[in-house]
C-alpha atoms as a PDB file:
ATOM      1  CA  UNK A   1       1.452  37.252  24.454  1.00  0.00           C
ATOM      2  CA  UNK A   2      -1.766  35.792  22.959  1.00  0.00           C
ATOM      3  CA  UNK A   3      -3.496  32.888  24.690  1.00  0.00           C
ATOM      4  CA  UNK A   4      -6.118  31.198  22.472  1.00  0.00           C
ATOM      5  CA  UNK A   5      -9.369  30.104  24.114  1.00  0.00           C
ATOM      6  CA  UNK A   6     -10.268  26.423  23.960  1.00  0.00           C
ATOM      7  CA  UNK A   7     -13.806  26.120  22.578  1.00  0.00           C
ATOM      8  CA  UNK A   8     -14.248  22.486  21.551  1.00  0.00           C
ATOM      9  CA  UNK A   9     -12.650  19.061  21.299  1.00  0.00           C
ATOM     10  CA  UNK A  10     -13.713  16.316  18.934  1.00  0.00           C
ATOM     11  CA  UNK A  11     -12.517  12.749  18.673  1.00  0.00           C
ATOM     12  CA  UNK A  12      -9.318  13.947  17.020  1.00  0.00           C
ATOM     13  CA  UNK A  13      -9.099  17.771  16.971  1.00  0.00           C
ATOM     14  CA  UNK A  14      -8.909  20.457  19.624  1.00  0.00           C
ATOM     15  CA  UNK A  15     -10.276  23.825  18.487  1.00  0.00           C
ATOM     16  CA  UNK A  16      -9.279  27.214  19.868  1.00  0.00           C
ATOM     17  CA  UNK A  17     -10.587  30.704  19.189  1.00  0.00           C
ATOM     18  CA  UNK A  18      -7.647  32.836  18.076  1.00  0.00           C
ATOM     19  CA  UNK A  19      -9.244  36.131  17.096  1.00  0.00           C
ATOM     20  CA  UNK A  20     -12.512  37.383  15.598  1.00  0.00           C
ATOM     21  CA  UNK A  21     -11.837  35.820  12.201  1.00  0.00           C
ATOM     22  CA  UNK A  22      -9.656  32.762  12.831  1.00  0.00           C
ATOM     23  CA  UNK A  23      -9.513  29.521  14.776  1.00  0.00           C
ATOM     24  CA  UNK A  24      -6.659  27.200  15.637  1.00  0.00           C
ATOM     25  CA  UNK A  25      -7.061  23.503  14.868  1.00  0.00           C
ATOM     26  CA  UNK A  26      -4.678  21.221  16.745  1.00  0.00           C
ATOM     27  CA  UNK A  27      -4.825  17.683  15.390  1.00  0.00           C
ATOM     28  CA  UNK A  28      -4.061  15.175  18.119  1.00  0.00           C
ATOM     29  CA  UNK A  29      -2.832  11.594  17.889  1.00  0.00           C
ATOM     30  CA  UNK A  30      -6.087  10.328  19.394  1.00  0.00           C
ATOM     31  CA  UNK A  31      -7.496   7.312  17.593  1.00  0.00           C
ATOM     32  CA  UNK A  32     -11.141   6.321  17.490  1.00  0.00           C
ATOM     33  CA  UNK A  33     -12.620   3.074  16.240  1.00  0.00           C
ATOM     34  CA  UNK A  34     -16.279   2.079  16.233  1.00  0.00           C
ATOM     35  CA  UNK A  35     -17.029   5.563  17.651  1.00  0.00           C
ATOM     36  CA  UNK A  36     -14.891   4.925  20.739  1.00  0.00           C
ATOM     37  CA  UNK A  37     -11.626   6.779  21.442  1.00  0.00           C
ATOM     38  CA  UNK A  38      -8.745   4.460  22.276  1.00  0.00           C
ATOM     39  CA  UNK A  39      -6.699   5.039  25.429  1.00  0.00           C
ATOM     40  CA  UNK A  40      -3.414   4.902  23.499  1.00  0.00           C
ATOM     41  CA  UNK A  41      -2.494   7.508  20.858  1.00  0.00           C
ATOM     42  CA  UNK A  42      -1.076   6.622  17.447  1.00  0.00           C
ATOM     43  CA  UNK A  43       2.251   8.509  17.173  1.00  0.00           C
ATOM     44  CA  UNK A  44       2.339  11.132  14.390  1.00  0.00           C
ATOM     45  CA  UNK A  45      -1.245  10.495  13.321  1.00  0.00           C
ATOM     46  CA  UNK A  46      -2.143  14.156  13.863  1.00  0.00           C
ATOM     47  CA  UNK A  47       0.785  15.266  11.731  1.00  0.00           C
ATOM     48  CA  UNK A  48      -0.199  12.902   8.918  1.00  0.00           C
ATOM     49  CA  UNK A  49      -3.765  14.234   8.878  1.00  0.00           C
ATOM     50  CA  UNK A  50      -2.503  17.822   8.871  1.00  0.00           C
ATOM     51  CA  UNK A  51       0.066  17.141   6.142  1.00  0.00           C
ATOM     52  CA  UNK A  52      -2.387  15.296   3.897  1.00  0.00           C
ATOM     53  CA  UNK A  53      -5.034  18.010   4.304  1.00  0.00           C
ATOM     54  CA  UNK A  54      -2.529  20.771   3.533  1.00  0.00           C
ATOM     55  CA  UNK A  55      -1.499  18.919   0.366  1.00  0.00           C
ATOM     56  CA  UNK A  56      -5.108  18.633  -0.836  1.00  0.00           C
ATOM     57  CA  UNK A  57      -6.153  22.162   0.131  1.00  0.00           C
ATOM     58  CA  UNK A  58      -3.441  23.377  -2.242  1.00  0.00           C
ATOM     59  CA  UNK A  59      -4.182  20.851  -4.979  1.00  0.00           C
ATOM     60  CA  UNK A  60      -7.954  21.477  -4.889  1.00  0.00           C
ATOM     61  CA  UNK A  61      -7.729  25.283  -4.805  1.00  0.00           C
ATOM     62  CA  UNK A  62      -9.168  25.499  -8.325  1.00  0.00           C
ATOM     63  CA  UNK A  63     -12.204  23.477  -7.218  1.00  0.00           C
ATOM     64  CA  UNK A  64     -13.056  25.523  -4.110  1.00  0.00           C
ATOM     65  CA  UNK A  65     -11.344  27.812  -1.608  1.00  0.00           C
ATOM     66  CA  UNK A  66     -10.382  26.377   1.769  1.00  0.00           C
ATOM     67  CA  UNK A  67     -10.372  27.631   5.326  1.00  0.00           C
ATOM     68  CA  UNK A  68      -6.590  27.211   5.691  1.00  0.00           C
ATOM     69  CA  UNK A  69      -4.648  30.389   6.510  1.00  0.00           C
ATOM     70  CA  UNK A  70      -1.348  29.085   7.894  1.00  0.00           C
ATOM     71  CA  UNK A  71       0.345  25.964   9.224  1.00  0.00           C
ATOM     72  CA  UNK A  72       2.111  27.812  12.032  1.00  0.00           C
ATOM     73  CA  UNK A  73       0.951  30.112  14.805  1.00  0.00           C
ATOM     74  CA  UNK A  74       2.734  33.327  15.758  1.00  0.00           C
ATOM     75  CA  UNK A  75       5.580  32.670  18.220  1.00  0.00           C
ATOM     76  CA  UNK A  76       3.894  35.007  20.724  1.00  0.00           C
ATOM     77  CA  UNK A  77       1.070  32.467  21.171  1.00  0.00           C
ATOM     78  CA  UNK A  78       0.992  30.603  24.488  1.00  0.00           C
ATOM     79  CA  UNK A  79      -1.146  28.111  26.376  1.00  0.00           C
ATOM     80  CA  UNK A  80      -1.374  25.372  23.731  1.00  0.00           C
ATOM     81  CA  UNK A  81       1.056  22.929  25.263  1.00  0.00           C
ATOM     82  CA  UNK A  82       4.010  21.299  23.540  1.00  0.00           C
ATOM     83  CA  UNK A  83       4.550  18.990  20.569  1.00  0.00           C
ATOM     84  CA  UNK A  84       2.620  21.253  18.180  1.00  0.00           C
ATOM     85  CA  UNK A  85       5.012  21.254  15.227  1.00  0.00           C
ATOM     86  CA  UNK A  86       3.329  19.940  12.105  1.00  0.00           C
ATOM     87  CA  UNK A  87      -0.086  19.366  13.692  1.00  0.00           C
ATOM     88  CA  UNK A  88      -1.593  22.860  13.777  1.00  0.00           C
ATOM     89  CA  UNK A  89      -3.682  24.846  11.295  1.00  0.00           C
ATOM     90  CA  UNK A  90      -4.763  28.472  11.503  1.00  0.00           C
ATOM     91  CA  UNK A  91      -8.136  28.572   9.720  1.00  0.00           C
ATOM     92  CA  UNK A  92     -10.842  31.048   8.816  1.00  0.00           C
ATOM     93  CA  UNK A  93     -14.087  30.783  10.722  1.00  0.00           C
ATOM     94  CA  UNK A  94     -16.858  29.316   8.585  1.00  0.00           C
ATOM     95  CA  UNK A  95     -20.602  28.856   8.787  1.00  0.00           C
ATOM     96  CA  UNK A  96     -20.610  25.076   8.511  1.00  0.00           C
ATOM     97  CA  UNK A  97     -23.266  23.166   6.601  1.00  0.00           C
ATOM     98  CA  UNK A  98     -25.278  20.808   8.824  1.00  0.00           C
ATOM     99  CA  UNK A  99     -24.609  17.891   6.461  1.00  0.00           C
ATOM    100  CA  UNK A 100     -21.695  15.589   5.738  1.00  0.00           C
ATOM    101  CA  UNK A 101     -20.817  15.772   2.037  1.00  0.00           C
ATOM    102  CA  UNK A 102     -19.998  12.169   1.146  1.00  0.00           C
ATOM    103  CA  UNK A 103     -18.969  10.962  -2.295  1.00  0.00           C
ATOM    104  CA  UNK A 104     -18.871   7.276  -3.144  1.00  0.00           C
ATOM    105  CA  UNK A 105     -17.044   5.886  -6.145  1.00  0.00           C
ATOM    106  CA  UNK A 106     -17.163   2.255  -5.025  1.00  0.00           C
ATOM    107  CA  UNK A 107     -19.758   0.144  -3.255  1.00  0.00           C
ATOM    108  CA  UNK A 108     -18.498  -0.377   0.284  1.00  0.00           C
ATOM    109  CA  UNK A 109     -19.284   0.230   3.946  1.00  0.00           C
ATOM    110  CA  UNK A 110     -22.818   1.293   4.848  1.00  0.00           C
ATOM    111  CA  UNK A 111     -23.660   1.740   1.153  1.00  0.00           C
ATOM    112  CA  UNK A 112     -22.889  -1.931   0.488  1.00  0.00           C
ATOM    113  CA  UNK A 113     -24.986  -2.961   3.498  1.00  0.00           C
ATOM    114  CA  UNK A 114     -27.958  -0.950   2.190  1.00  0.00           C
ATOM    115  CA  UNK A 115     -27.523  -2.311  -1.339  1.00  0.00           C
ATOM    116  CA  UNK A 116     -27.588  -5.880  -0.047  1.00  0.00           C
ATOM    117  CA  UNK A 117     -30.822  -5.144   1.794  1.00  0.00           C
ATOM    118  CA  UNK A 118     -32.718  -3.183  -0.816  1.00  0.00           C
ATOM    119  CA  UNK A 119     -30.730  -2.715  -4.019  1.00  0.00           C
ATOM    120  CA  UNK A 120     -30.409   1.005  -3.253  1.00  0.00           C
ATOM    121  CA  UNK A 121     -27.784   3.439  -2.003  1.00  0.00           C
ATOM    122  CA  UNK A 122     -29.099   6.345   0.064  1.00  0.00           C
ATOM    123  CA  UNK A 123     -32.494   5.474  -1.388  1.00  0.00           C
ATOM    124  CA  UNK A 124     -31.293   5.626  -4.992  1.00  0.00           C
ATOM    125  CA  UNK A 125     -31.809   2.497  -7.079  1.00  0.00           C
ATOM    126  CA  UNK A 126     -28.574   0.925  -8.338  1.00  0.00           C
ATOM    127  CA  UNK A 127     -28.059  -1.643 -11.119  1.00  0.00           C
ATOM    128  CA  UNK A 128     -28.638  -5.249 -10.113  1.00  0.00           C
ATOM    129  CA  UNK A 129     -25.805  -7.671  -9.573  1.00  0.00           C
ATOM    130  CA  UNK A 130     -23.179  -5.312  -8.186  1.00  0.00           C
ATOM    131  CA  UNK A 131     -20.564  -6.875  -5.911  1.00  0.00           C
ATOM    132  CA  UNK A 132     -18.925  -5.587  -2.749  1.00  0.00           C
ATOM    133  CA  UNK A 133     -16.188  -3.037  -3.521  1.00  0.00           C
ATOM    134  CA  UNK A 134     -17.331  -2.748  -7.152  1.00  0.00           C
ATOM    135  CA  UNK A 135     -16.801   0.569  -8.904  1.00  0.00           C
ATOM    136  CA  UNK A 136     -20.047   2.467  -9.360  1.00  0.00           C
ATOM    137  CA  UNK A 137     -21.066   3.571 -12.880  1.00  0.00           C
ATOM    138  CA  UNK A 138     -20.134   7.104 -11.786  1.00  0.00           C
ATOM    139  CA  UNK A 139     -19.345   8.741  -8.424  1.00  0.00           C
ATOM    140  CA  UNK A 140     -22.441   9.591  -6.375  1.00  0.00           C
ATOM    141  CA  UNK A 141     -23.038  12.382  -3.862  1.00  0.00           C
ATOM    142  CA  UNK A 142     -24.580  10.711  -0.809  1.00  0.00           C
ATOM    143  CA  UNK A 143     -25.022  13.195   2.064  1.00  0.00           C
ATOM    144  CA  UNK A 144     -25.693  12.398   5.681  1.00  0.00           C
ATOM    145  CA  UNK A 145     -26.769  14.270   8.765  1.00  0.00           C
ATOM    146  CA  UNK A 146     -24.294  15.321  11.454  1.00  0.00           C
ATOM    147  CA  UNK A 147     -25.239  13.528  14.637  1.00  0.00           C
ATOM    148  CA  UNK A 148     -24.231  15.204  17.900  1.00  0.00           C
ATOM    149  CA  UNK A 149     -24.140  11.730  19.425  1.00  0.00           C
ATOM    150  CA  UNK A 150     -24.133   8.278  17.887  1.00  0.00           C
ATOM    151  CA  UNK A 151     -24.052   7.632  14.157  1.00  0.00           C
ATOM    152  CA  UNK A 152     -24.779  10.010  11.301  1.00  0.00           C
ATOM    153  CA  UNK A 153     -27.890   9.209   9.247  1.00  0.00           C
ATOM    154  CA  UNK A 154     -27.667   8.674   5.499  1.00  0.00           C
ATOM    155  CA  UNK A 155     -30.113  10.976   3.687  1.00  0.00           C
ATOM    156  CA  UNK A 156     -31.230  11.662   0.127  1.00  0.00           C
ATOM    157  CA  UNK A 157     -30.252  14.738  -1.862  1.00  0.00           C
ATOM    158  CA  UNK A 158     -33.833  15.954  -1.467  1.00  0.00           C
ATOM    159  CA  UNK A 159     -33.499  15.728   2.313  1.00  0.00           C
ATOM    160  CA  UNK A 160     -30.254  17.731   2.083  1.00  0.00           C
ATOM    161  CA  UNK A 161     -32.165  20.385   0.129  1.00  0.00           C
ATOM    162  CA  UNK A 162     -34.688  20.532   2.956  1.00  0.00           C
ATOM    163  CA  UNK A 163     -31.835  21.184   5.405  1.00  0.00           C
ATOM    164  CA  UNK A 164     -29.759  23.776   3.515  1.00  0.00           C
ATOM    165  CA  UNK A 165     -31.819  24.911   0.524  1.00  0.00           C
ATOM    166  CA  UNK A 166     -31.556  24.022  -3.164  1.00  0.00           C
ATOM    167  CA  UNK A 167     -28.754  26.425  -4.096  1.00  0.00           C
ATOM    168  CA  UNK A 168     -26.387  25.389  -1.284  1.00  0.00           C
ATOM    169  CA  UNK A 169     -27.154  21.693  -1.683  1.00  0.00           C
ATOM    170  CA  UNK A 170     -26.505  21.888  -5.432  1.00  0.00           C
ATOM    171  CA  UNK A 171     -23.218  23.750  -4.954  1.00  0.00           C
ATOM    172  CA  UNK A 172     -22.150  21.350  -2.192  1.00  0.00           C
ATOM    173  CA  UNK A 173     -22.807  18.437  -4.540  1.00  0.00           C
ATOM    174  CA  UNK A 174     -20.859  20.092  -7.366  1.00  0.00           C
ATOM    175  CA  UNK A 175     -17.825  20.874  -5.200  1.00  0.00           C
ATOM    176  CA  UNK A 176     -17.829  17.443  -3.571  1.00  0.00           C
ATOM    177  CA  UNK A 177     -18.047  15.512  -6.842  1.00  0.00           C
ATOM    178  CA  UNK A 178     -15.373  17.638  -8.513  1.00  0.00           C
ATOM    179  CA  UNK A 179     -13.024  17.450  -5.519  1.00  0.00           C
ATOM    180  CA  UNK A 180     -13.468  13.675  -5.469  1.00  0.00           C
ATOM    181  CA  UNK A 181     -12.830  13.446  -9.219  1.00  0.00           C
ATOM    182  CA  UNK A 182      -9.622  15.485  -9.030  1.00  0.00           C
ATOM    183  CA  UNK A 183      -8.442  13.628  -5.935  1.00  0.00           C
ATOM    184  CA  UNK A 184      -9.268  10.177  -7.294  1.00  0.00           C
ATOM    185  CA  UNK A 185      -7.511  10.860 -10.603  1.00  0.00           C
ATOM    186  CA  UNK A 186      -4.373  12.014  -8.782  1.00  0.00           C
ATOM    187  CA  UNK A 187      -4.450   9.068  -6.355  1.00  0.00           C
ATOM    188  CA  UNK A 188      -4.824   6.634  -9.260  1.00  0.00           C
ATOM    189  CA  UNK A 189      -1.467   7.781 -10.610  1.00  0.00           C
ATOM    190  CA  UNK A 190       0.002   6.772  -7.227  1.00  0.00           C
ATOM    191  CA  UNK A 191      -1.581   3.318  -7.229  1.00  0.00           C
ATOM    192  CA  UNK A 192      -4.316   4.250  -4.756  1.00  0.00           C
ATOM    193  CA  UNK A 193      -8.083   3.964  -5.158  1.00  0.00           C
ATOM    194  CA  UNK A 194     -10.202   6.454  -3.220  1.00  0.00           C
ATOM    195  CA  UNK A 195     -13.299   4.334  -2.686  1.00  0.00           C
ATOM    196  CA  UNK A 196     -15.248   7.034  -0.876  1.00  0.00           C
ATOM    197  CA  UNK A 197     -14.662  10.176   1.119  1.00  0.00           C
ATOM    198  CA  UNK A 198     -16.347  12.760   3.320  1.00  0.00           C
ATOM    199  CA  UNK A 199     -16.029  16.519   2.911  1.00  0.00           C
ATOM    200  CA  UNK A 200     -16.913  19.239   5.401  1.00  0.00           C
ATOM    201  CA  UNK A 201     -18.073  22.440   3.691  1.00  0.00           C
ATOM    202  CA  UNK A 202     -18.761  25.855   5.177  1.00  0.00           C
ATOM    203  CA  UNK A 203     -19.503  29.384   4.023  1.00  0.00           C
ATOM    204  CA  UNK A 204     -16.633  31.882   4.185  1.00  0.00           C
ATOM    205  CA  UNK A 205     -17.360  35.339   2.747  1.00  0.00           C
ATOM    206  CA  UNK A 206     -20.434  33.868   1.100  1.00  0.00           C
ATOM    207  CA  UNK A 207     -18.565  31.071  -0.724  1.00  0.00           C
ATOM    208  CA  UNK A 208     -18.695  27.384   0.073  1.00  0.00           C
ATOM    209  CA  UNK A 209     -15.217  26.349   1.143  1.00  0.00           C
ATOM    210  CA  UNK A 210     -13.411  23.130   2.014  1.00  0.00           C
ATOM    211  CA  UNK A 211     -12.976  22.899   5.796  1.00  0.00           C
ATOM    212  CA  UNK A 212     -11.722  20.578   8.519  1.00  0.00           C
ATOM    213  CA  UNK A 213      -9.762  17.781   6.791  1.00  0.00           C
ATOM    214  CA  UNK A 214      -9.715  16.721   3.142  1.00  0.00           C
ATOM    215  CA  UNK A 215      -9.100  13.309   1.578  1.00  0.00           C
ATOM    216  CA  UNK A 216      -7.238  11.944   4.596  1.00  0.00           C
ATOM    217  CA  UNK A 217      -7.043   8.327   5.809  1.00  0.00           C
ATOM    218  CA  UNK A 218      -9.585   9.296   8.499  1.00  0.00           C
ATOM    219  CA  UNK A 219     -12.138  10.850   6.148  1.00  0.00           C
ATOM    220  CA  UNK A 220     -11.647   8.490   3.197  1.00  0.00           C
ATOM    221  CA  UNK A 221     -11.362   4.845   2.272  1.00  0.00           C
ATOM    222  CA  UNK A 222      -8.016   4.364   0.488  1.00  0.00           C
ATOM    223  CA  UNK A 223      -7.274   1.037  -1.210  1.00  0.00           C
ATOM    224  CA  UNK A 224      -4.075  -0.127  -2.927  1.00  0.00           C
ATOM    225  CA  UNK A 225      -5.088  -0.487  -6.573  1.00  0.00           C
ATOM    226  CA  UNK A 226      -3.134  -3.706  -7.036  1.00  0.00           C
ATOM    227  CA  UNK A 227      -5.088  -5.386  -4.208  1.00  0.00           C
ATOM    228  CA  UNK A 228      -8.568  -4.398  -5.411  1.00  0.00           C
ATOM    229  CA  UNK A 229     -11.035  -6.693  -7.081  1.00  0.00           C
ATOM    230  CA  UNK A 230     -14.853  -6.711  -6.962  1.00  0.00           C
ATOM    231  CA  UNK A 231     -16.285  -9.136  -4.447  1.00  0.00           C
ATOM    232  CA  UNK A 232     -13.571  -8.659  -1.817  1.00  0.00           C
ATOM    233  CA  UNK A 233     -12.688  -5.934   0.690  1.00  0.00           C
ATOM    234  CA  UNK A 234      -9.167  -4.688  -0.056  1.00  0.00           C
ATOM    235  CA  UNK A 235      -6.806  -3.687   2.770  1.00  0.00           C
ATOM    236  CA  UNK A 236      -7.048   0.029   3.464  1.00  0.00           C
ATOM    237  CA  UNK A 237      -4.509   2.742   4.289  1.00  0.00           C
ATOM    238  CA  UNK A 238      -6.041   3.664   7.607  1.00  0.00           C
ATOM    239  CA  UNK A 239      -7.001   2.091  10.894  1.00  0.00           C
ATOM    240  CA  UNK A 240      -7.715  -1.347   9.412  1.00  0.00           C
ATOM    241  CA  UNK A 241      -5.052  -3.176  11.475  1.00  0.00           C
ATOM    242  CA  UNK A 242      -6.626  -1.653  14.575  1.00  0.00           C
ATOM    243  CA  UNK A 243     -10.183  -2.528  13.541  1.00  0.00           C
ATOM    244  CA  UNK A 244      -9.212  -6.109  12.692  1.00  0.00           C
ATOM    245  CA  UNK A 245      -7.442  -6.571  16.029  1.00  0.00           C
ATOM    246  CA  UNK A 246     -10.364  -5.120  17.973  1.00  0.00           C
ATOM    247  CA  UNK A 247     -12.829  -7.378  16.151  1.00  0.00           C
ATOM    248  CA  UNK A 248     -10.688 -10.366  17.081  1.00  0.00           C
ATOM    249  CA  UNK A 249     -10.749  -9.569  20.806  1.00  0.00           C
ATOM    250  CA  UNK A 250     -14.495 -10.016  21.147  1.00  0.00           C
ATOM    251  CA  UNK A 251     -14.827  -6.452  22.459  1.00  0.00           C
ATOM    252  CA  UNK A 252     -18.467  -5.292  22.581  1.00  0.00           C
ATOM    253  CA  UNK A 253     -17.550  -1.882  21.077  1.00  0.00           C
ATOM    254  CA  UNK A 254     -18.597  -0.051  24.206  1.00  0.00           C
ATOM    255  CA  UNK A 255     -16.214   1.996  26.412  1.00  0.00           C
ATOM    256  CA  UNK A 256     -13.718   1.253  27.747  1.00  0.00           C
ATOM    257  CA  UNK A 257     -11.806  -0.255  24.817  1.00  0.00           C
ATOM    258  CA  UNK A 258      -9.128  -2.895  25.323  1.00  0.00           C
ATOM    259  CA  UNK A 259      -5.516  -1.734  25.662  1.00  0.00           C
ATOM    260  CA  UNK A 260      -3.699  -1.687  22.330  1.00  0.00           C
ATOM    261  CA  UNK A 261      -0.518  -3.743  21.995  1.00  0.00           C
ATOM    262  CA  UNK A 262       2.607  -2.002  20.703  1.00  0.00           C
ATOM    263  CA  UNK A 263       2.598  -3.918  17.409  1.00  0.00           C
ATOM    264  CA  UNK A 264      -0.918  -2.718  16.551  1.00  0.00           C
ATOM    265  CA  UNK A 265       0.003   0.877  17.396  1.00  0.00           C
ATOM    266  CA  UNK A 266       3.089   0.601  15.188  1.00  0.00           C
ATOM    267  CA  UNK A 267       1.253  -1.040  12.292  1.00  0.00           C
ATOM    268  CA  UNK A 268      -1.450   1.625  12.359  1.00  0.00           C
ATOM    269  CA  UNK A 269       1.112   4.429  12.346  1.00  0.00           C
ATOM    270  CA  UNK A 270       2.851   2.819   9.377  1.00  0.00           C
ATOM    271  CA  UNK A 271      -0.429   2.715   7.413  1.00  0.00           C
ATOM    272  CA  UNK A 272      -1.029   6.432   7.945  1.00  0.00           C
ATOM    273  CA  UNK A 273       2.527   7.419   7.032  1.00  0.00           C
ATOM    274  CA  UNK A 274       2.414   5.186   3.928  1.00  0.00           C
ATOM    275  CA  UNK A 275      -0.792   6.885   2.779  1.00  0.00           C
ATOM    276  CA  UNK A 276       0.845  10.315   3.007  1.00  0.00           C
ATOM    277  CA  UNK A 277       4.029   9.301   1.248  1.00  0.00           C
ATOM    278  CA  UNK A 278       2.318   7.442  -1.579  1.00  0.00           C
ATOM    279  CA  UNK A 279      -0.252  10.157  -2.205  1.00  0.00           C
ATOM    280  CA  UNK A 280       2.118  13.093  -2.141  1.00  0.00           C
ATOM    281  CA  UNK A 281       5.404  11.578  -3.279  1.00  0.00           C
ATOM    282  CA  UNK A 282       7.011  13.359  -0.316  1.00  0.00           C
ATOM    283  CA  UNK A 283       8.940  11.954   2.640  1.00  0.00           C
ATOM    284  CA  UNK A 284       7.071  12.209   5.914  1.00  0.00           C
ATOM    285  CA  UNK A 285      10.386  12.615   7.739  1.00  0.00           C
ATOM    286  CA  UNK A 286      10.607  16.094   6.175  1.00  0.00           C
ATOM    287  CA  UNK A 287       7.297  17.230   7.724  1.00  0.00           C
ATOM    288  CA  UNK A 288       7.702  19.485  10.811  1.00  0.00           C
ATOM    289  CA  UNK A 289       7.916  17.452  13.998  1.00  0.00           C
ATOM    290  CA  UNK A 290       7.753  14.067  12.266  1.00  0.00           C
ATOM    291  CA  UNK A 291       8.924  11.366  14.635  1.00  0.00           C
ATOM    292  CA  UNK A 292       8.755  13.611  17.690  1.00  0.00           C
ATOM    293  CA  UNK A 293       5.905  11.546  19.173  1.00  0.00           C
ATOM    294  CA  UNK A 294       7.098   8.158  17.957  1.00  0.00           C
ATOM    295  CA  UNK A 295       9.021   7.299  21.098  1.00  0.00           C
END
């Protein structure tokens, strides 16, 4: 009987050492908003993130290898608790880059805030007169630092070169832009705009590989194409119902967060499931364990 060793927990994932070459990622139903983890889980959220990532790891295999080895652990494994079906990944260990590999195709979020202040995005000058949510002339690689605490810091490509070297920074930019292009073209056929996204890249056997999660509702801004128009913020396939409700409570965005009502939990779950089903064309009810945590 093998008992993996717990080595880290993030806002969403619990990570275990499995053997010398592999880790186990268990994706929880924990939900964070404004960098604070909510007390209530969102049922099936971990399964949606796992299912969406597995779909993209396969679809992007021609762009870059991934860290994914398997979606199940050997039955002789113990000590991980219950309710694991559909939320676990066996992955190769990787030497992770110390930067977030962000690609923006539309002007939104922190990029829009910077543009309003200075007409730039990550220090790069943009054309005048762009509106919120407007499509950029072409997708842009806009890296950031990885902050151990607090918010990541947007940096220039030159600053990324200082952190990882020219060759790795150039390859990270190439992979990120191509993965975004392939993903955005596929999503467009499903009526979804991928406004921006964040990739995690790491070295496995000397090759930069896609790691962690890929093009999920947590790492990306998904908009319904029929609701998009420049100048407005479209509804998104993620935690937007939760964010809107929290903003309306007057919460100061410091722990502890307010308790989430059942209708907000349900609406958020529905957004995540809808993102998976629209992107993949598959039924979430067919994913292992789907609905097991929805009670």
